[in-house]
Amino acid sequence: MPINKSKKYWKKNLKYLTILLSVWFLASFVFGILLVDELNAIRFGGFKLGFWFAQQGSIYVFVILIFIYIKLMNSLDKEFGYNK
């Protein structure tokens, strides 16, 4: 039984969400909490990199991921004909 158009659309959307949320998890939890001591050995803009990720970096990554998601969803809508 073939998968219909809306199921293919939703499957691809979930793939995008999984990848983007994984990147956000990596930036916020892994870099900001788990690897903070290792990253603090590196300086970024005068601040320790671990501190920067914990305070600002994860927020910047999240905002960038929002714009990436918008771009991906616009192209996905066009691909499946939902952009009308």
PDB file of N, CA and C in Angstrom:
ATOM      1  N   MET A   1       0.846  -1.181   0.000  1.00  0.00           N
ATOM      2  CA  MET A   1       0.000   0.000   0.000  1.00  0.00           C
ATOM      3  C   MET A   1       0.893   1.246   0.000  1.00  0.00           C
ATOM      4  N   PRO A   2       0.740   2.121  -0.997  1.00  0.00           N
ATOM      5  CA  PRO A   2       1.586   3.311  -1.092  1.00  0.00           C
ATOM      6  C   PRO A   2       1.236   4.342  -0.007  1.00  0.00           C
ATOM      7  N   ILE A   3       2.276   5.038   0.399  1.00  0.00           N
ATOM      8  CA  ILE A   3       2.077   6.105   1.385  1.00  0.00           C
ATOM      9  C   ILE A   3       1.538   7.326   0.648  1.00  0.00           C
ATOM     10  N   ASN A   4       0.477   7.908   1.182  1.00  0.00           N
ATOM     11  CA  ASN A   4      -0.106   9.054   0.492  1.00  0.00           C
ATOM     12  C   ASN A   4       0.728  10.306   0.709  1.00  0.00           C
ATOM     13  N   LYS A   5       0.374  11.356  -0.020  1.00  0.00           N
ATOM     14  CA  LYS A   5       1.136  12.598  -0.049  1.00  0.00           C
ATOM     15  C   LYS A   5       1.271  13.246   1.323  1.00  0.00           C
ATOM     16  N   SER A   6       0.216  13.282   2.098  1.00  0.00           N
ATOM     17  CA  SER A   6       0.279  13.946   3.402  1.00  0.00           C
ATOM     18  C   SER A   6       1.156  13.173   4.387  1.00  0.00           C
ATOM     19  N   LYS A   7       1.185  11.853   4.276  1.00  0.00           N
ATOM     20  CA  LYS A   7       2.056  11.072   5.162  1.00  0.00           C
ATOM     21  C   LYS A   7       3.521  11.278   4.809  1.00  0.00           C
ATOM     22  N   LYS A   8       3.826  11.369   3.511  1.00  0.00           N
ATOM     23  CA  LYS A   8       5.199  11.664   3.091  1.00  0.00           C
ATOM     24  C   LYS A   8       5.621  13.053   3.581  1.00  0.00           C
ATOM     25  N   TYR A   9       4.703  14.003   3.465  1.00  0.00           N
ATOM     26  CA  TYR A   9       4.964  15.368   3.932  1.00  0.00           C
ATOM     27  C   TYR A   9       5.256  15.364   5.435  1.00  0.00           C
ATOM     28  N   TRP A  10       4.419  14.694   6.206  1.00  0.00           N
ATOM     29  CA  TRP A  10       4.592  14.666   7.656  1.00  0.00           C
ATOM     30  C   TRP A  10       5.879  13.935   8.048  1.00  0.00           C
ATOM     31  N   LYS A  11       6.208  12.852   7.333  1.00  0.00           N
ATOM     32  CA  LYS A  11       7.433  12.107   7.622  1.00  0.00           C
ATOM     33  C   LYS A  11       8.664  12.975   7.395  1.00  0.00           C
ATOM     34  N   LYS A  12       8.671  13.742   6.314  1.00  0.00           N
ATOM     35  CA  LYS A  12       9.805  14.630   6.033  1.00  0.00           C
ATOM     36  C   LYS A  12       9.859  15.770   7.043  1.00  0.00           C
ATOM     37  N   ASN A  13       8.697  16.275   7.455  1.00  0.00           N
ATOM     38  CA  ASN A  13       8.632  17.328   8.464  1.00  0.00           C
ATOM     39  C   ASN A  13       9.215  16.822   9.786  1.00  0.00           C
ATOM     40  N   LEU A  14       8.872  15.608  10.183  1.00  0.00           N
ATOM     41  CA  LEU A  14       9.411  15.027  11.417  1.00  0.00           C
ATOM     42  C   LEU A  14      10.924  14.815  11.323  1.00  0.00           C
ATOM     43  N   LYS A  15      11.404  14.487  10.142  1.00  0.00           N
ATOM     44  CA  LYS A  15      12.847  14.339   9.947  1.00  0.00           C
ATOM     45  C   LYS A  15      13.541  15.678  10.179  1.00  0.00           C
ATOM     46  N   TYR A  16      12.992  16.750   9.606  1.00  0.00           N
ATOM     47  CA  TYR A  16      13.551  18.090   9.816  1.00  0.00           C
ATOM     48  C   TYR A  16      13.530  18.457  11.297  1.00  0.00           C
ATOM     49  N   LEU A  17      12.399  18.207  11.954  1.00  0.00           N
ATOM     50  CA  LEU A  17      12.281  18.543  13.375  1.00  0.00           C
ATOM     51  C   LEU A  17      13.289  17.774  14.220  1.00  0.00           C
ATOM     52  N   THR A  18      13.468  16.503  13.927  1.00  0.00           N
ATOM     53  CA  THR A  18      14.417  15.686  14.681  1.00  0.00           C
ATOM     54  C   THR A  18      15.840  16.216  14.548  1.00  0.00           C
ATOM     55  N   ILE A  19      16.229  16.558  13.339  1.00  0.00           N
ATOM     56  CA  ILE A  19      17.576  17.076  13.111  1.00  0.00           C
ATOM     57  C   ILE A  19      17.765  18.425  13.803  1.00  0.00           C
ATOM     58  N   LEU A  20      16.802  19.328  13.623  1.00  0.00           N
ATOM     59  CA  LEU A  20      16.938  20.670  14.199  1.00  0.00           C
ATOM     60  C   LEU A  20      16.890  20.644  15.725  1.00  0.00           C
ATOM     61  N   LEU A  21      16.030  19.824  16.291  1.00  0.00           N
ATOM     62  CA  LEU A  21      15.973  19.730  17.751  1.00  0.00           C
ATOM     63  C   LEU A  21      17.235  19.068  18.313  1.00  0.00           C
ATOM     64  N   SER A  22      17.825  18.170  17.547  1.00  0.00           N
ATOM     65  CA  SER A  22      19.090  17.565  17.975  1.00  0.00           C
ATOM     66  C   SER A  22      20.209  18.601  18.011  1.00  0.00           C
ATOM     67  N   VAL A  23      20.239  19.461  17.016  1.00  0.00           N
ATOM     68  CA  VAL A  23      21.231  20.543  17.003  1.00  0.00           C
ATOM     69  C   VAL A  23      21.007  21.466  18.192  1.00  0.00           C
ATOM     70  N   TRP A  24      19.758  21.803  18.476  1.00  0.00           N
ATOM     71  CA  TRP A  24      19.457  22.669  19.613  1.00  0.00           C
ATOM     72  C   TRP A  24      19.854  22.001  20.934  1.00  0.00           C
ATOM     73  N   PHE A  25      19.569  20.709  21.064  1.00  0.00           N
ATOM     74  CA  PHE A  25      19.969  19.964  22.255  1.00  0.00           C
ATOM     75  C   PHE A  25      21.490  19.977  22.420  1.00  0.00           C
ATOM     76  N   LEU A  26      22.188  19.781  21.321  1.00  0.00           N
ATOM     77  CA  LEU A  26      23.642  19.798  21.353  1.00  0.00           C
ATOM     78  C   LEU A  26      24.164  21.158  21.812  1.00  0.00           C
ATOM     79  N   ALA A  27      23.614  22.224  21.261  1.00  0.00           N
ATOM     80  CA  ALA A  27      24.083  23.574  21.598  1.00  0.00           C
ATOM     81  C   ALA A  27      23.701  23.975  23.012  1.00  0.00           C
ATOM     82  N   SER A  28      22.510  23.633  23.446  1.00  0.00           N
ATOM     83  CA  SER A  28      22.057  24.112  24.758  1.00  0.00           C
ATOM     84  C   SER A  28      22.480  23.192  25.900  1.00  0.00           C
ATOM     85  N   PHE A  29      22.221  21.911  25.789  1.00  0.00           N
ATOM     86  CA  PHE A  29      22.488  20.998  26.906  1.00  0.00           C
ATOM     87  C   PHE A  29      23.929  20.491  26.906  1.00  0.00           C
ATOM     88  N   VAL A  30      24.365  19.977  25.759  1.00  0.00           N
ATOM     89  CA  VAL A  30      25.699  19.374  25.710  1.00  0.00           C
ATOM     90  C   VAL A  30      26.785  20.448  25.845  1.00  0.00           C
ATOM     91  N   PHE A  31      26.721  21.497  25.003  1.00  0.00           N
ATOM     92  CA  PHE A  31      27.743  22.539  25.068  1.00  0.00           C
ATOM     93  C   PHE A  31      27.571  23.433  26.293  1.00  0.00           C
ATOM     94  N   GLY A  32      26.345  23.739  26.660  1.00  0.00           N
ATOM     95  CA  GLY A  32      26.092  24.670  27.752  1.00  0.00           C
ATOM     96  C   GLY A  32      26.174  24.066  29.137  1.00  0.00           C
ATOM     97  N   ILE A  33      26.037  22.737  29.250  1.00  0.00           N
ATOM     98  CA  ILE A  33      26.032  22.108  30.575  1.00  0.00           C
ATOM     99  C   ILE A  33      27.092  21.009  30.682  1.00  0.00           C
ATOM    100  N   LEU A  34      27.042  20.026  29.797  1.00  0.00           N
ATOM    101  CA  LEU A  34      27.923  18.869  29.939  1.00  0.00           C
ATOM    102  C   LEU A  34      29.387  19.167  29.600  1.00  0.00           C
ATOM    103  N   LEU A  35      29.623  19.942  28.561  1.00  0.00           N
ATOM    104  CA  LEU A  35      30.994  20.223  28.124  1.00  0.00           C
ATOM    105  C   LEU A  35      31.465  21.621  28.521  1.00  0.00           C
ATOM    106  N   VAL A  36      30.804  22.222  29.478  1.00  0.00           N
ATOM    107  CA  VAL A  36      31.111  23.606  29.824  1.00  0.00           C
ATOM    108  C   VAL A  36      32.547  23.765  30.304  1.00  0.00           C
ATOM    109  N   ASP A  37      33.054  22.842  31.084  1.00  0.00           N
ATOM    110  CA  ASP A  37      34.422  22.963  31.592  1.00  0.00           C
ATOM    111  C   ASP A  37      35.457  22.875  30.474  1.00  0.00           C
ATOM    112  N   GLU A  38      35.246  21.944  29.543  1.00  0.00           N
ATOM    113  CA  GLU A  38      36.169  21.807  28.410  1.00  0.00           C
ATOM    114  C   GLU A  38      36.109  23.038  27.506  1.00  0.00           C
ATOM    115  N   LEU A  39      34.910  23.553  27.272  1.00  0.00           N
ATOM    116  CA  LEU A  39      34.753  24.710  26.397  1.00  0.00           C
ATOM    117  C   LEU A  39      35.244  26.006  27.051  1.00  0.00           C
ATOM    118  N   ASN A  40      35.280  26.042  28.366  1.00  0.00           N
ATOM    119  CA  ASN A  40      35.762  27.247  29.048  1.00  0.00           C
ATOM    120  C   ASN A  40      37.240  27.501  28.815  1.00  0.00           C
ATOM    121  N   ALA A  41      37.957  26.518  28.305  1.00  0.00           N
ATOM    122  CA  ALA A  41      39.370  26.710  27.964  1.00  0.00           C
ATOM    123  C   ALA A  41      39.519  27.572  26.708  1.00  0.00           C
ATOM    124  N   ILE A  42      38.439  27.737  25.961  1.00  0.00           N
ATOM    125  CA  ILE A  42      38.442  28.528  24.724  1.00  0.00           C
ATOM    126  C   ILE A  42      37.750  29.858  25.001  1.00  0.00           C
ATOM    127  N   ARG A  43      38.312  30.938  24.494  1.00  0.00           N
ATOM    128  CA  ARG A  43      37.714  32.272  24.657  1.00  0.00           C
ATOM    129  C   ARG A  43      36.972  32.665  23.386  1.00  0.00           C
ATOM    130  N   PHE A  44      35.821  33.298  23.545  1.00  0.00           N
ATOM    131  CA  PHE A  44      35.004  33.774  22.419  1.00  0.00           C
ATOM    132  C   PHE A  44      34.497  35.164  22.778  1.00  0.00           C
ATOM    133  N   GLY A  45      34.977  36.174  22.082  1.00  0.00           N
ATOM    134  CA  GLY A  45      34.552  37.546  22.355  1.00  0.00           C
ATOM    135  C   GLY A  45      34.915  38.000  23.768  1.00  0.00           C
ATOM    136  N   GLY A  46      36.004  37.481  24.298  1.00  0.00           N
ATOM    137  CA  GLY A  46      36.433  37.848  25.636  1.00  0.00           C
ATOM    138  C   GLY A  46      35.815  37.017  26.746  1.00  0.00           C
ATOM    139  N   PHE A  47      34.904  36.129  26.410  1.00  0.00           N
ATOM    140  CA  PHE A  47      34.241  35.282  27.408  1.00  0.00           C
ATOM    141  C   PHE A  47      34.640  33.835  27.190  1.00  0.00           C
ATOM    142  N   LYS A  48      34.553  33.047  28.235  1.00  0.00           N
ATOM    143  CA  LYS A  48      34.786  31.612  28.107  1.00  0.00           C
ATOM    144  C   LYS A  48      33.665  31.016  27.253  1.00  0.00           C
ATOM    145  N   LEU A  49      34.037  30.133  26.323  1.00  0.00           N
ATOM    146  CA  LEU A  49      33.072  29.592  25.360  1.00  0.00           C
ATOM    147  C   LEU A  49      31.950  28.814  26.034  1.00  0.00           C
ATOM    148  N   GLY A  50      32.254  28.050  27.075  1.00  0.00           N
ATOM    149  CA  GLY A  50      31.204  27.314  27.797  1.00  0.00           C
ATOM    150  C   GLY A  50      30.199  28.259  28.427  1.00  0.00           C
ATOM    151  N   PHE A  51      30.691  29.319  29.040  1.00  0.00           N
ATOM    152  CA  PHE A  51      29.807  30.332  29.617  1.00  0.00           C
ATOM    153  C   PHE A  51      28.976  30.991  28.531  1.00  0.00           C
ATOM    154  N   TRP A  52      29.612  31.306  27.398  1.00  0.00           N
ATOM    155  CA  TRP A  52      28.901  31.961  26.299  1.00  0.00           C
ATOM    156  C   TRP A  52      27.764  31.086  25.781  1.00  0.00           C
ATOM    157  N   PHE A  53      28.018  29.787  25.587  1.00  0.00           N
ATOM    158  CA  PHE A  53      26.958  28.884  25.127  1.00  0.00           C
ATOM    159  C   PHE A  53      25.828  28.809  26.141  1.00  0.00           C
ATOM    160  N   ALA A  54      26.167  28.753  27.413  1.00  0.00           N
ATOM    161  CA  ALA A  54      25.141  28.645  28.449  1.00  0.00           C
ATOM    162  C   ALA A  54      24.294  29.906  28.535  1.00  0.00           C
ATOM    163  N   GLN A  55      24.883  31.067  28.312  1.00  0.00           N
ATOM    164  CA  GLN A  55      24.161  32.322  28.494  1.00  0.00           C
ATOM    165  C   GLN A  55      23.542  32.868  27.214  1.00  0.00           C
ATOM    166  N   GLN A  56      24.257  32.808  26.101  1.00  0.00           N
ATOM    167  CA  GLN A  56      23.764  33.433  24.874  1.00  0.00           C
ATOM    168  C   GLN A  56      23.768  32.512  23.665  1.00  0.00           C
ATOM    169  N   GLY A  57      24.772  31.680  23.562  1.00  0.00           N
ATOM    170  CA  GLY A  57      24.957  30.869  22.359  1.00  0.00           C
ATOM    171  C   GLY A  57      23.779  29.990  22.023  1.00  0.00           C
ATOM    172  N   SER A  58      23.205  29.347  23.032  1.00  0.00           N
ATOM    173  CA  SER A  58      22.074  28.457  22.755  1.00  0.00           C
ATOM    174  C   SER A  58      20.856  29.243  22.279  1.00  0.00           C
ATOM    175  N   ILE A  59      20.712  30.473  22.749  1.00  0.00           N
ATOM    176  CA  ILE A  59      19.602  31.313  22.281  1.00  0.00           C
ATOM    177  C   ILE A  59      19.817  31.700  20.820  1.00  0.00           C
ATOM    178  N   TYR A  60      21.052  32.101  20.471  1.00  0.00           N
ATOM    179  CA  TYR A  60      21.352  32.431  19.075  1.00  0.00           C
ATOM    180  C   TYR A  60      21.136  31.232  18.168  1.00  0.00           C
ATOM    181  N   VAL A  61      21.588  30.069  18.610  1.00  0.00           N
ATOM    182  CA  VAL A  61      21.396  28.849  17.821  1.00  0.00           C
ATOM    183  C   VAL A  61      19.907  28.580  17.622  1.00  0.00           C
ATOM    184  N   PHE A  62      19.115  28.756  18.676  1.00  0.00           N
ATOM    185  CA  PHE A  62      17.674  28.529  18.578  1.00  0.00           C
ATOM    186  C   PHE A  62      17.028  29.473  17.559  1.00  0.00           C
ATOM    187  N   VAL A  63      17.384  30.741  17.590  1.00  0.00           N
ATOM    188  CA  VAL A  63      16.814  31.712  16.640  1.00  0.00           C
ATOM    189  C   VAL A  63      17.226  31.367  15.210  1.00  0.00           C
ATOM    190  N   ILE A  64      18.478  30.991  15.014  1.00  0.00           N
ATOM    191  CA  ILE A  64      18.939  30.592  13.685  1.00  0.00           C
ATOM    192  C   ILE A  64      18.183  29.349  13.214  1.00  0.00           C
ATOM    193  N   LEU A  65      17.955  28.401  14.119  1.00  0.00           N
ATOM    194  CA  LEU A  65      17.215  27.193  13.757  1.00  0.00           C
ATOM    195  C   LEU A  65      15.773  27.504  13.367  1.00  0.00           C
ATOM    196  N   ILE A  66      15.175  28.520  13.968  1.00  0.00           N
ATOM    197  CA  ILE A  66      13.822  28.927  13.581  1.00  0.00           C
ATOM    198  C   ILE A  66      13.807  29.366  12.119  1.00  0.00           C
ATOM    199  N   PHE A  67      14.785  30.190  11.735  1.00  0.00           N
ATOM    200  CA  PHE A  67      14.834  30.654  10.346  1.00  0.00           C
ATOM    201  C   PHE A  67      15.152  29.512   9.378  1.00  0.00           C
ATOM    202  N   ILE A  68      15.999  28.587   9.793  1.00  0.00           N
ATOM    203  CA  ILE A  68      16.276  27.412   8.955  1.00  0.00           C
ATOM    204  C   ILE A  68      15.004  26.580   8.787  1.00  0.00           C
ATOM    205  N   TYR A  69      14.252  26.410   9.869  1.00  0.00           N
ATOM    206  CA  TYR A  69      13.003  25.646   9.797  1.00  0.00           C
ATOM    207  C   TYR A  69      11.994  26.323   8.860  1.00  0.00           C
ATOM    208  N   ILE A  70      11.910  27.635   8.928  1.00  0.00           N
ATOM    209  CA  ILE A  70      11.008  28.371   8.022  1.00  0.00           C
ATOM    210  C   ILE A  70      11.393  28.109   6.575  1.00  0.00           C
ATOM    211  N   LYS A  71      12.689  28.208   6.278  1.00  0.00           N
ATOM    212  CA  LYS A  71      13.156  27.980   4.912  1.00  0.00           C
ATOM    213  C   LYS A  71      12.877  26.537   4.468  1.00  0.00           C
ATOM    214  N   LEU A  72      13.169  25.587   5.339  1.00  0.00           N
ATOM    215  CA  LEU A  72      12.915  24.189   5.000  1.00  0.00           C
ATOM    216  C   LEU A  72      11.433  23.915   4.774  1.00  0.00           C
ATOM    217  N   MET A  73      10.584  24.480   5.630  1.00  0.00           N
ATOM    218  CA  MET A  73       9.146  24.237   5.491  1.00  0.00           C
ATOM    219  C   MET A  73       8.576  24.921   4.255  1.00  0.00           C
ATOM    220  N   ASN A  74       9.086  26.087   3.906  1.00  0.00           N
ATOM    221  CA  ASN A  74       8.628  26.734   2.675  1.00  0.00           C
ATOM    222  C   ASN A  74       8.971  25.881   1.460  1.00  0.00           C
ATOM    223  N   SER A  75      10.183  25.321   1.443  1.00  0.00           N
ATOM    224  CA  SER A  75      10.552  24.464   0.310  1.00  0.00           C
ATOM    225  C   SER A  75       9.766  23.152   0.334  1.00  0.00           C
ATOM    226  N   LEU A  76       9.488  22.637   1.523  1.00  0.00           N
ATOM    227  CA  LEU A  76       8.689  21.409   1.630  1.00  0.00           C
ATOM    228  C   LEU A  76       7.250  21.663   1.165  1.00  0.00           C
ATOM    229  N   ASP A  77       6.694  22.800   1.541  1.00  0.00           N
ATOM    230  CA  ASP A  77       5.348  23.153   1.078  1.00  0.00           C
ATOM    231  C   ASP A  77       5.296  23.240  -0.442  1.00  0.00           C
ATOM    232  N   LYS A  78       6.319  23.834  -1.048  1.00  0.00           N
ATOM    233  CA  LYS A  78       6.359  23.935  -2.510  1.00  0.00           C
ATOM    234  C   LYS A  78       6.487  22.547  -3.138  1.00  0.00           C
ATOM    235  N   GLU A  79       7.335  21.723  -2.535  1.00  0.00           N
ATOM    236  CA  GLU A  79       7.557  20.379  -3.062  1.00  0.00           C
ATOM    237  C   GLU A  79       6.273  19.550  -3.099  1.00  0.00           C
ATOM    238  N   PHE A  80       5.434  19.689  -2.062  1.00  0.00           N
ATOM    239  CA  PHE A  80       4.215  18.900  -1.964  1.00  0.00           C
ATOM    240  C   PHE A  80       2.959  19.656  -2.405  1.00  0.00           C
ATOM    241  N   GLY A  81       3.131  20.900  -2.865  1.00  0.00           N
ATOM    242  CA  GLY A  81       2.002  21.651  -3.380  1.00  0.00           C
ATOM    243  C   GLY A  81       1.088  22.246  -2.331  1.00  0.00           C
ATOM    244  N   TYR A  82       1.612  22.510  -1.147  1.00  0.00           N
ATOM    245  CA  TYR A  82       0.808  23.107  -0.072  1.00  0.00           C
ATOM    246  C   TYR A  82       1.056  24.601   0.084  1.00  0.00           C
ATOM    247  N   ASN A  83       1.682  25.231  -0.888  1.00  0.00           N
ATOM    248  CA  ASN A  83       2.034  26.634  -0.777  1.00  0.00           C
ATOM    249  C   ASN A  83       1.021  27.571  -1.420  1.00  0.00           C
ATOM    250  N   LYS A  84      -0.170  27.113  -1.684  1.00  0.00           N
ATOM    251  CA  LYS A  84      -1.173  27.936  -2.375  1.00  0.00           C
ATOM    252  C   LYS A  84      -1.924  28.834  -1.446  1.00  0.00           C
TER     253      LYS A  84
END
